N, C-alpha and C. Protein backbone atom coordinates (compact mmCIF):
# COMPACT_ATOMS: atom_id res chain seq x y z
N VAL A 1 21.24 -53.99 28.98
CA VAL A 1 21.86 -53.27 27.95
C VAL A 1 21.55 -53.11 26.87
N SER A 2 20.14 -53.64 26.38
CA SER A 2 19.85 -53.71 25.19
C SER A 2 19.14 -52.54 24.79
N GLU A 3 18.44 -52.09 26.48
CA GLU A 3 17.81 -51.11 26.56
C GLU A 3 18.50 -49.70 26.39
N VAL A 4 19.61 -49.53 26.95
CA VAL A 4 20.88 -48.41 26.50
C VAL A 4 20.94 -48.53 25.43
N ILE A 5 21.57 -49.36 24.30
CA ILE A 5 21.10 -49.76 23.12
C ILE A 5 20.67 -49.00 21.95
N GLU A 6 18.95 -49.28 22.71
CA GLU A 6 17.80 -48.89 21.94
C GLU A 6 17.72 -47.21 22.20
N GLN A 7 18.35 -47.24 23.34
CA GLN A 7 18.22 -45.73 23.52
C GLN A 7 19.12 -44.65 23.02
N LYS A 8 20.15 -45.34 23.15
CA LYS A 8 21.29 -44.61 22.14
C LYS A 8 20.85 -44.45 20.85
N THR A 9 20.41 -45.32 20.01
CA THR A 9 19.86 -45.27 18.63
C THR A 9 19.17 -44.31 18.31
N LEU A 10 18.07 -44.65 19.24
CA LEU A 10 16.97 -43.52 19.02
C LEU A 10 17.47 -42.06 19.47
N SER A 11 18.42 -41.52 20.56
CA SER A 11 18.93 -40.28 20.43
C SER A 11 19.60 -40.06 19.33
N TYR A 12 20.63 -40.55 18.63
CA TYR A 12 21.26 -40.23 17.36
C TYR A 12 20.18 -39.83 16.51
N LYS A 13 19.01 -40.72 16.30
CA LYS A 13 18.23 -40.06 15.29
C LYS A 13 17.37 -38.94 15.69
N ASP A 14 17.12 -39.02 17.14
CA ASP A 14 16.23 -37.75 17.39
C ASP A 14 16.99 -36.46 17.32
N ASN A 15 18.43 -36.27 17.52
CA ASN A 15 19.37 -35.51 17.05
C ASN A 15 19.57 -35.23 15.63
N LEU A 16 18.97 -35.98 14.97
CA LEU A 16 19.59 -36.26 13.41
C LEU A 16 18.23 -35.20 12.92
N LEU A 17 17.43 -36.06 13.44
CA LEU A 17 15.70 -35.19 12.88
C LEU A 17 15.79 -33.89 13.25
N MET A 18 16.24 -33.31 14.12
CA MET A 18 15.72 -31.80 15.18
C MET A 18 16.61 -30.80 14.56
N ASN A 19 17.18 -31.52 13.62
CA ASN A 19 18.15 -30.46 12.91
C ASN A 19 17.65 -30.57 11.27
N PHE A 20 16.70 -31.47 10.80
CA PHE A 20 16.82 -31.77 9.33
C PHE A 20 16.01 -30.26 8.99
N ASP A 21 15.37 -29.40 9.23
CA ASP A 21 14.90 -28.64 9.45
C ASP A 21 15.56 -27.66 8.74
N HIS A 22 16.85 -27.44 9.02
CA HIS A 22 18.02 -26.51 8.78
C HIS A 22 18.28 -26.85 7.52
N GLY A 23 18.39 -27.66 7.38
CA GLY A 23 18.82 -27.97 5.88
C GLY A 23 17.78 -27.80 4.62
N THR A 24 15.95 -28.13 5.14
CA THR A 24 15.14 -27.52 4.38
C THR A 24 15.01 -26.07 3.78
N ILE A 25 15.31 -24.96 4.78
CA ILE A 25 15.20 -23.98 4.98
C ILE A 25 16.12 -23.69 3.62
N PRO A 26 17.52 -23.91 3.34
CA PRO A 26 17.94 -22.84 2.41
C PRO A 26 17.71 -24.17 1.80
N ALA A 27 17.88 -24.67 1.43
CA ALA A 27 17.49 -25.77 0.11
C ALA A 27 16.17 -25.35 -0.56
N ALA A 28 15.32 -24.57 -0.36
CA ALA A 28 14.11 -24.29 -0.42
C ALA A 28 13.80 -22.54 -0.08
N THR A 29 14.95 -22.05 -0.09
CA THR A 29 15.00 -20.58 -0.38
C THR A 29 13.95 -19.60 -1.51
N GLU A 30 14.29 -20.32 -2.51
CA GLU A 30 13.74 -19.80 -3.97
C GLU A 30 11.96 -19.96 -3.58
N GLN A 31 11.59 -21.29 -3.21
CA GLN A 31 10.16 -21.53 -3.23
C GLN A 31 9.73 -20.77 -2.17
N LEU A 32 10.83 -20.82 -0.70
CA LEU A 32 9.87 -20.00 0.16
C LEU A 32 9.69 -18.40 -0.38
N ARG A 33 10.72 -17.92 -0.70
CA ARG A 33 10.37 -16.83 -1.08
C ARG A 33 9.45 -16.08 -2.33
N ASN A 34 9.03 -17.18 -2.97
CA ASN A 34 7.85 -17.04 -3.76
C ASN A 34 6.64 -17.46 -2.85
N TYR A 35 6.94 -18.57 -2.26
CA TYR A 35 5.81 -19.10 -1.69
C TYR A 35 5.22 -18.12 -0.31
N LEU A 36 5.37 -17.08 -0.03
CA LEU A 36 5.70 -16.51 1.35
C LEU A 36 5.50 -14.83 0.98
N GLU A 37 6.12 -14.72 -0.59
CA GLU A 37 6.44 -13.87 -1.06
C GLU A 37 7.42 -12.88 0.08
N LEU A 38 8.59 -13.41 0.21
CA LEU A 38 9.61 -12.58 1.42
C LEU A 38 10.73 -11.46 0.54
N THR A 39 11.16 -10.54 1.15
CA THR A 39 11.87 -9.48 1.02
C THR A 39 13.18 -10.75 1.24
N ASP A 40 15.06 -10.60 0.75
CA ASP A 40 16.00 -10.99 0.95
C ASP A 40 16.16 -10.81 2.19
N SER A 41 15.95 -9.61 3.27
CA SER A 41 16.20 -9.46 4.43
C SER A 41 14.96 -10.28 5.70
N GLU A 42 13.80 -10.48 5.09
CA GLU A 42 12.81 -11.25 5.71
C GLU A 42 13.30 -12.92 5.41
N LEU A 43 13.76 -13.03 4.59
CA LEU A 43 13.83 -14.49 4.54
C LEU A 43 15.55 -14.97 5.72
N GLY A 44 16.19 -13.63 5.23
CA GLY A 44 17.59 -13.76 6.26
C GLY A 44 17.23 -14.19 7.61
N LEU A 45 15.97 -13.14 8.27
CA LEU A 45 15.68 -13.26 9.56
C LEU A 45 15.29 -14.41 9.99
N PHE A 46 14.36 -15.04 9.07
CA PHE A 46 13.32 -16.26 8.71
C PHE A 46 14.11 -17.31 9.62
N GLY A 47 15.25 -17.50 8.50
CA GLY A 47 16.13 -18.38 8.77
C GLY A 47 17.00 -18.62 10.24
N SER A 48 17.03 -17.61 10.53
CA SER A 48 17.72 -17.32 11.71
C SER A 48 17.25 -17.60 13.34
N LEU A 49 15.67 -17.42 12.66
CA LEU A 49 15.07 -17.51 14.30
C LEU A 49 14.97 -18.75 14.84
N VAL A 50 15.34 -19.70 14.04
CA VAL A 50 15.55 -20.94 14.46
C VAL A 50 16.36 -21.10 16.17
N PHE A 51 17.71 -20.01 15.67
CA PHE A 51 18.78 -19.76 16.97
C PHE A 51 18.62 -19.36 17.64
N ILE A 52 17.70 -18.40 17.63
CA ILE A 52 17.60 -17.53 18.73
C ILE A 52 16.31 -18.55 19.56
N GLY A 53 15.46 -19.10 19.32
CA GLY A 53 14.76 -19.96 19.81
C GLY A 53 16.02 -21.20 20.95
N VAL A 54 16.73 -21.64 19.81
CA VAL A 54 18.09 -22.67 20.45
C VAL A 54 18.62 -21.80 22.00
N ILE A 55 18.70 -20.83 21.64
CA ILE A 55 19.44 -19.90 22.92
C ILE A 55 18.51 -19.75 24.11
N ILE A 56 17.23 -19.37 23.58
CA ILE A 56 16.40 -19.26 24.63
C ILE A 56 16.11 -20.78 25.24
N GLY A 57 16.11 -21.36 24.59
CA GLY A 57 15.64 -22.96 24.79
C GLY A 57 16.78 -23.72 26.13
N SER A 58 18.11 -23.14 25.60
CA SER A 58 19.31 -23.65 26.08
C SER A 58 19.27 -23.21 27.44
N LEU A 59 18.76 -21.80 28.02
CA LEU A 59 18.97 -21.05 29.06
C LEU A 59 17.62 -21.99 29.55
N ILE A 60 16.27 -22.04 29.37
CA ILE A 60 15.55 -22.67 30.26
C ILE A 60 15.71 -23.92 30.49
N SER A 61 16.36 -24.71 29.24
CA SER A 61 15.92 -26.27 29.82
C SER A 61 16.97 -26.66 30.81
N MET A 62 18.14 -26.19 31.21
CA MET A 62 18.91 -26.28 32.25
C MET A 62 17.69 -26.87 33.81
N THR A 63 17.11 -25.97 34.24
CA THR A 63 16.46 -25.75 35.55
C THR A 63 15.47 -26.90 35.16
N ILE A 64 14.52 -27.23 34.07
CA ILE A 64 13.38 -28.06 33.92
C ILE A 64 14.08 -29.30 33.75
N ILE A 65 15.33 -29.61 33.19
CA ILE A 65 15.99 -30.79 33.08
C ILE A 65 16.24 -31.50 34.08
N ASN A 66 17.06 -30.98 35.01
CA ASN A 66 17.23 -31.03 36.64
C ASN A 66 16.21 -31.22 37.61
N THR A 67 15.09 -30.58 37.09
CA THR A 67 13.82 -30.47 37.84
C THR A 67 12.70 -31.73 37.43
N PHE A 68 12.42 -31.86 36.51
CA PHE A 68 11.47 -33.33 36.15
C PHE A 68 12.17 -34.39 35.41
N ASN A 69 11.30 -35.30 35.21
CA ASN A 69 11.81 -36.41 34.57
C ASN A 69 11.99 -36.12 33.02
N ARG A 70 13.48 -36.61 32.64
CA ARG A 70 14.20 -36.26 31.91
C ARG A 70 13.48 -37.56 30.28
N LYS A 71 13.02 -38.46 30.83
CA LYS A 71 12.12 -39.31 29.89
C LYS A 71 10.83 -38.50 29.01
N TYR A 72 10.22 -37.73 30.25
CA TYR A 72 8.83 -37.61 29.99
C TYR A 72 9.32 -35.73 29.16
N ILE A 73 10.25 -35.63 29.56
CA ILE A 73 10.66 -34.04 29.07
C ILE A 73 10.57 -34.48 27.33
N LEU A 74 11.96 -35.28 27.35
CA LEU A 74 12.33 -35.55 26.25
C LEU A 74 10.90 -35.90 24.93
N ILE A 75 10.16 -36.94 25.71
CA ILE A 75 8.75 -36.92 24.59
C ILE A 75 7.88 -35.80 24.86
N ILE A 76 8.05 -35.31 25.43
CA ILE A 76 7.00 -34.14 25.23
C ILE A 76 7.50 -33.38 23.93
N CYS A 77 8.99 -32.91 24.19
CA CYS A 77 9.76 -31.83 23.39
C CYS A 77 9.66 -32.28 22.24
N LEU A 78 9.78 -33.65 21.71
CA LEU A 78 9.60 -34.28 20.69
C LEU A 78 8.15 -34.12 20.23
N ILE A 79 7.26 -34.54 20.82
CA ILE A 79 6.45 -34.56 20.19
C ILE A 79 5.52 -33.09 19.83
N LEU A 80 5.86 -32.22 20.67
CA LEU A 80 5.50 -30.51 20.54
C LEU A 80 6.37 -30.22 19.44
N CYS A 81 7.57 -30.78 19.27
CA CYS A 81 8.48 -29.99 17.76
C CYS A 81 8.08 -30.44 16.69
N GLY A 82 7.66 -31.67 16.93
CA GLY A 82 6.43 -32.73 15.45
C GLY A 82 5.84 -31.69 15.44
N LEU A 83 4.53 -31.35 16.13
CA LEU A 83 3.73 -30.28 16.09
C LEU A 83 3.85 -28.78 15.74
N SER A 84 4.89 -28.39 16.19
CA SER A 84 5.02 -26.77 15.68
C SER A 84 5.91 -27.17 14.02
N LEU A 85 6.79 -28.29 13.94
CA LEU A 85 6.89 -28.38 12.26
C LEU A 85 5.64 -28.74 11.58
N PHE A 86 4.80 -29.23 11.56
CA PHE A 86 3.76 -29.49 11.19
C PHE A 86 2.80 -28.27 10.86
N ALA A 87 2.64 -27.59 12.02
CA ALA A 87 1.70 -26.12 12.57
C ALA A 87 2.80 -25.05 11.07
N PHE A 88 3.82 -25.26 10.56
CA PHE A 88 4.61 -24.30 10.38
C PHE A 88 3.75 -24.56 9.12
N THR A 89 3.94 -25.84 8.45
CA THR A 89 3.00 -25.86 6.70
C THR A 89 1.53 -25.38 6.71
N SER A 90 0.66 -24.70 8.14
CA SER A 90 -0.18 -24.49 7.53
C SER A 90 -0.64 -23.28 7.39
N THR A 91 0.31 -21.89 7.66
CA THR A 91 0.01 -20.65 7.43
C THR A 91 1.03 -20.13 6.37
N THR A 92 0.83 -19.02 6.04
CA THR A 92 1.32 -18.08 5.27
C THR A 92 1.31 -16.56 6.28
N ASN A 93 1.15 -16.84 7.22
CA ASN A 93 1.36 -15.21 7.98
C ASN A 93 3.21 -14.99 8.68
N TYR A 94 3.93 -14.38 7.85
CA TYR A 94 5.10 -14.52 8.81
C TYR A 94 5.29 -14.36 9.95
N ILE A 95 4.69 -13.50 10.53
CA ILE A 95 4.67 -13.16 11.99
C ILE A 95 4.41 -14.71 12.54
N LEU A 96 3.38 -15.29 12.34
CA LEU A 96 3.46 -17.08 12.71
C LEU A 96 4.15 -17.82 12.69
N LEU A 97 4.68 -17.81 11.63
CA LEU A 97 5.46 -18.48 11.10
C LEU A 97 7.19 -17.91 11.63
N CYS A 98 7.07 -17.04 11.51
CA CYS A 98 8.64 -16.84 12.65
C CYS A 98 8.72 -16.93 14.19
N LEU A 99 7.12 -17.01 15.15
CA LEU A 99 6.86 -17.43 16.36
C LEU A 99 7.11 -19.06 16.44
N ASP A 100 7.01 -19.44 14.87
CA ASP A 100 6.89 -20.81 14.71
C ASP A 100 8.31 -21.25 14.62
N ARG A 101 9.00 -20.68 13.73
CA ARG A 101 10.60 -21.02 14.08
C ARG A 101 11.15 -20.85 15.42
N VAL A 102 11.10 -19.89 16.29
CA VAL A 102 11.49 -19.58 17.51
C VAL A 102 11.32 -21.11 18.66
N ILE A 103 9.77 -21.38 18.00
CA ILE A 103 9.27 -22.57 19.12
C ILE A 103 10.34 -23.59 18.86
N ILE A 104 10.32 -23.93 17.37
CA ILE A 104 11.01 -25.02 16.79
C ILE A 104 12.25 -25.15 17.82
N GLY A 105 12.82 -23.87 17.76
CA GLY A 105 14.59 -23.69 18.26
C GLY A 105 14.39 -24.05 19.59
N ILE A 106 13.43 -23.87 20.46
CA ILE A 106 13.50 -24.18 22.00
C ILE A 106 13.35 -25.79 22.03
N PHE A 107 12.37 -26.14 21.48
CA PHE A 107 12.50 -27.76 21.30
C PHE A 107 13.52 -28.54 21.03
N GLU A 108 14.16 -28.07 19.86
CA GLU A 108 15.60 -28.75 19.65
C GLU A 108 16.44 -28.50 20.68
N ALA A 109 16.68 -27.63 21.54
CA ALA A 109 17.25 -27.29 22.29
C ALA A 109 17.36 -28.27 24.01
N PHE A 110 16.46 -28.66 23.68
CA PHE A 110 16.03 -29.42 25.29
C PHE A 110 16.71 -30.74 24.31
N ILE A 111 16.70 -31.14 23.60
CA ILE A 111 17.03 -32.55 23.35
C ILE A 111 18.71 -32.05 22.65
N SER A 112 19.40 -30.78 22.36
CA SER A 112 20.75 -30.70 22.32
C SER A 112 21.59 -30.83 23.48
N ILE A 113 20.67 -30.15 24.70
CA ILE A 113 20.94 -30.25 26.24
C ILE A 113 21.29 -31.78 26.80
N TYR A 114 19.92 -32.25 26.86
CA TYR A 114 19.56 -33.70 27.13
C TYR A 114 20.75 -34.96 26.73
N LEU A 115 21.36 -35.16 25.42
CA LEU A 115 21.74 -35.89 24.78
C LEU A 115 22.86 -36.23 25.59
N PRO A 116 24.14 -34.96 25.70
CA PRO A 116 25.63 -35.50 26.15
C PRO A 116 25.03 -35.81 27.68
N LEU A 117 24.25 -35.20 28.77
CA LEU A 117 23.80 -35.59 29.58
C LEU A 117 23.27 -37.29 29.78
N TRP A 118 22.71 -37.36 28.57
CA TRP A 118 22.50 -38.94 28.75
C TRP A 118 23.70 -39.97 28.18
N CYS A 119 23.75 -39.17 27.59
CA CYS A 119 25.48 -40.14 27.17
C CYS A 119 26.84 -40.17 28.67
N ASP A 120 26.51 -39.12 29.24
CA ASP A 120 27.67 -39.46 30.40
C ASP A 120 26.92 -40.44 31.44
N GLN A 121 25.18 -40.56 31.77
CA GLN A 121 25.36 -40.89 32.51
C GLN A 121 24.84 -42.67 32.20
N PHE A 122 24.18 -42.49 30.82
CA PHE A 122 24.06 -44.15 30.90
C PHE A 122 25.11 -44.61 29.74
N GLY A 123 25.96 -43.99 29.12
CA GLY A 123 26.78 -44.78 28.28
C GLY A 123 27.83 -45.96 28.38
N ILE A 124 28.09 -46.41 27.82
CA ILE A 124 29.45 -47.64 28.56
C ILE A 124 30.65 -46.81 28.59
N GLU A 125 30.81 -47.23 29.73
CA GLU A 125 32.60 -46.70 29.74
C GLU A 125 33.26 -46.72 28.76
N THR A 126 33.56 -47.37 27.77
CA THR A 126 34.48 -47.56 26.82
C THR A 126 34.39 -47.06 25.33
N ARG A 127 32.65 -46.90 25.42
CA ARG A 127 32.30 -46.38 24.29
C ARG A 127 31.80 -45.00 24.40
N LYS A 128 31.62 -44.16 25.55
CA LYS A 128 31.38 -42.87 25.76
C LYS A 128 31.98 -41.66 24.74
N ALA A 129 33.28 -42.17 24.14
CA ALA A 129 33.68 -41.37 23.50
C ALA A 129 32.93 -41.10 21.96
N LEU A 130 33.05 -42.75 21.30
CA LEU A 130 32.34 -43.12 20.46
C LEU A 130 30.79 -42.12 20.08
N MET A 131 29.89 -42.77 21.42
CA MET A 131 28.62 -41.93 21.42
C MET A 131 28.71 -40.49 21.66
N MET A 132 29.56 -39.75 22.33
CA MET A 132 29.60 -38.24 21.65
C MET A 132 29.80 -38.02 20.35
N ALA A 133 30.58 -38.55 19.83
CA ALA A 133 31.06 -38.29 18.58
C ALA A 133 29.88 -38.43 17.73
N LEU A 134 29.35 -39.32 17.77
CA LEU A 134 28.01 -39.45 17.15
C LEU A 134 26.74 -38.88 17.68
N ILE A 135 26.90 -38.09 18.74
CA ILE A 135 25.60 -37.16 18.79
C ILE A 135 26.10 -35.77 18.55
N GLN A 136 27.21 -35.83 18.17
CA GLN A 136 28.05 -34.05 17.72
C GLN A 136 27.47 -34.39 16.30
N VAL A 137 27.69 -35.85 15.60
CA VAL A 137 28.20 -35.67 14.03
C VAL A 137 26.55 -35.52 13.24
N ALA A 138 25.18 -35.61 14.69
CA ALA A 138 24.09 -35.85 14.17
C ALA A 138 23.65 -34.85 13.57
N PRO A 139 23.49 -33.32 14.06
CA PRO A 139 23.33 -32.06 13.77
C PRO A 139 23.60 -31.93 12.16
N PRO A 140 24.83 -31.91 11.98
CA PRO A 140 25.37 -31.26 10.52
C PRO A 140 25.17 -32.84 9.80
N LEU A 141 24.82 -34.02 10.15
CA LEU A 141 24.31 -34.49 9.58
C LEU A 141 22.92 -34.61 9.01
N GLY A 142 21.80 -33.92 10.02
CA GLY A 142 20.38 -34.21 9.73
C GLY A 142 20.51 -32.96 8.95
N VAL A 143 21.60 -32.00 9.03
CA VAL A 143 20.94 -30.80 7.71
C VAL A 143 21.33 -30.82 6.48
N LEU A 144 22.45 -32.09 6.16
CA LEU A 144 22.60 -32.20 5.19
C LEU A 144 21.71 -32.96 4.66
N VAL A 145 20.79 -34.03 5.32
CA VAL A 145 20.04 -34.57 4.83
C VAL A 145 18.62 -33.78 4.75
N GLY A 146 18.04 -33.13 5.46
CA GLY A 146 17.24 -32.14 5.17
C GLY A 146 17.32 -31.56 3.75
N TYR A 147 18.81 -30.86 3.78
CA TYR A 147 19.07 -30.29 2.01
C TYR A 147 19.22 -31.04 1.03
N ILE A 148 19.24 -32.62 0.97
CA ILE A 148 19.06 -33.34 0.22
C ILE A 148 17.68 -33.53 -0.37
N VAL A 149 17.22 -34.23 0.71
CA VAL A 149 15.55 -34.37 0.93
C VAL A 149 14.90 -33.44 -0.21
N THR A 150 14.70 -31.98 0.81
CA THR A 150 14.35 -31.22 0.01
C THR A 150 14.80 -30.47 -1.26
N THR A 151 15.91 -30.97 -1.81
CA THR A 151 16.44 -31.01 -3.57
C THR A 151 15.80 -31.60 -3.76
N VAL A 152 16.01 -32.85 -3.68
CA VAL A 152 14.91 -34.48 -4.73
C VAL A 152 13.26 -33.96 -4.78
N LEU A 153 12.93 -33.36 -3.55
CA LEU A 153 11.59 -32.92 -3.30
C LEU A 153 11.31 -32.05 -4.60
N ASN A 154 12.16 -31.06 -4.10
CA ASN A 154 11.71 -29.80 -5.08
C ASN A 154 12.07 -30.35 -6.94
N MET A 155 13.06 -31.38 -6.87
CA MET A 155 12.95 -30.95 -8.27
C MET A 155 12.10 -32.48 -8.88
N TYR A 156 11.94 -33.27 -8.24
CA TYR A 156 10.72 -34.16 -8.56
C TYR A 156 9.61 -34.68 -8.33
N LEU A 157 9.17 -34.02 -7.12
CA LEU A 157 7.85 -34.24 -6.56
C LEU A 157 6.74 -33.42 -7.42
N THR A 158 6.02 -33.96 -8.04
CA THR A 158 5.22 -33.60 -8.92
C THR A 158 3.84 -33.68 -8.72
N TYR A 159 3.48 -35.08 -8.27
CA TYR A 159 2.10 -35.51 -8.23
C TYR A 159 2.08 -36.49 -7.31
N LEU A 160 1.12 -36.22 -6.07
CA LEU A 160 0.75 -37.39 -5.31
C LEU A 160 -1.00 -37.79 -5.59
N PRO A 161 -0.64 -38.96 -5.46
CA PRO A 161 -2.07 -39.67 -4.89
C PRO A 161 -3.16 -38.86 -4.39
N TYR A 162 -4.37 -38.70 -4.03
CA TYR A 162 -5.17 -38.01 -2.84
C TYR A 162 -4.73 -36.49 -3.04
N TYR A 163 -3.74 -35.89 -3.48
CA TYR A 163 -3.31 -34.94 -3.28
C TYR A 163 -3.12 -33.87 -4.70
N GLY A 164 -2.85 -34.87 -5.71
CA GLY A 164 -3.10 -34.20 -6.95
C GLY A 164 -1.75 -33.29 -7.29
N ASP A 165 -1.64 -32.90 -8.23
CA ASP A 165 -0.47 -32.21 -9.07
C ASP A 165 -0.39 -30.77 -7.63
N ILE A 166 1.34 -30.82 -7.72
CA ILE A 166 2.10 -30.28 -6.31
C ILE A 166 2.43 -28.87 -6.89
N GLU A 167 2.09 -28.02 -6.94
CA GLU A 167 2.69 -26.71 -7.26
C GLU A 167 4.45 -26.78 -6.85
N LYS A 168 5.29 -26.04 -7.36
CA LYS A 168 6.71 -26.02 -7.36
C LYS A 168 7.03 -25.37 -5.99
N ASP A 169 6.29 -24.24 -5.83
CA ASP A 169 6.24 -23.37 -4.34
C ASP A 169 5.93 -24.17 -3.27
N LYS A 170 5.50 -25.21 -3.61
CA LYS A 170 4.89 -26.11 -2.05
C LYS A 170 5.54 -27.01 -2.12
N ARG A 171 6.46 -27.54 -3.19
CA ARG A 171 7.11 -29.14 -2.83
C ARG A 171 7.62 -29.03 -1.37
N TRP A 172 8.90 -27.77 -1.17
CA TRP A 172 9.05 -27.96 0.25
C TRP A 172 8.33 -28.11 1.27
N LEU A 173 7.28 -28.41 1.69
CA LEU A 173 6.39 -28.19 2.61
C LEU A 173 6.15 -29.65 2.91
N PHE A 174 6.70 -30.90 1.94
CA PHE A 174 6.45 -31.90 2.18
C PHE A 174 7.65 -32.70 3.27
N SER A 175 9.41 -31.86 2.89
CA SER A 175 10.14 -31.96 3.91
C SER A 175 9.42 -31.75 5.09
N PHE A 176 8.69 -30.84 6.16
CA PHE A 176 8.17 -30.63 7.14
C PHE A 176 7.61 -31.23 7.13
N TYR A 177 6.15 -32.00 6.66
CA TYR A 177 5.70 -33.51 6.59
C TYR A 177 6.66 -34.48 7.15
N ILE A 178 7.18 -34.86 6.62
CA ILE A 178 8.37 -35.83 6.49
C ILE A 178 8.76 -36.05 7.94
N GLN A 179 9.28 -34.90 7.99
CA GLN A 179 9.88 -34.56 9.63
C GLN A 179 8.92 -34.77 10.96
N SER A 180 8.32 -34.00 10.51
CA SER A 180 6.98 -34.12 11.45
C SER A 180 6.89 -35.70 12.26
N PHE A 181 6.27 -36.19 10.58
CA PHE A 181 5.69 -37.80 10.69
C PHE A 181 6.97 -38.61 11.57
N ILE A 182 7.95 -38.50 10.78
CA ILE A 182 8.91 -39.40 11.60
C ILE A 182 9.33 -39.25 13.08
N ILE A 183 9.59 -38.09 13.35
CA ILE A 183 9.63 -37.71 14.69
C ILE A 183 8.55 -38.30 15.57
N TRP A 184 7.23 -38.21 15.25
CA TRP A 184 6.41 -38.53 15.76
C TRP A 184 6.06 -40.25 16.02
N GLY A 185 6.62 -40.74 14.94
CA GLY A 185 6.51 -42.02 14.38
C GLY A 185 7.97 -42.90 15.33
N ILE A 186 9.13 -42.04 15.71
CA ILE A 186 10.13 -42.73 16.89
C ILE A 186 9.97 -42.29 18.01
N THR A 187 9.02 -41.41 18.48
CA THR A 187 8.62 -41.03 19.99
C THR A 187 7.47 -41.83 20.39
N ILE A 188 6.61 -42.07 19.26
CA ILE A 188 5.16 -42.72 20.18
C ILE A 188 5.49 -44.41 19.90
């Protein structure tokens, strides 16, 4: 039972964290536009590409989840999603950033598809409705947390030891660093 409770807690955190960047992008719109020199249309496309990845990932995840060990799929997706989020901060090439957003969406889809299956299979019968409710509330909560964290970083993060002064248009990058490291931390 304790393993199920531990997995349940982990799964809610995963679902929340997988949606953190969905709050980061809108909270950093001005900084993204300036840092990447984007037009309004490019910024709009940029913000929506993750959902194209979610659609693609949803279509391919069904077969993969039913064919391979679900635990390993989850671990691989979390590690690769963290890596993709981190890679997102390492370039200003618009095409690569767009491709990365689609890839992030693909990995997020695996988590979104897997968690309700996990709840149905391992959930405590008398608590399945509560577990499913928590799984469903995690994505908008993740967006909200990502938005708040990014807003706070944009307002107050001006200096870090070993890094130095932080330009206003680069502060949003730290939200992606935070998300990546926390995902890796709970996965490993």
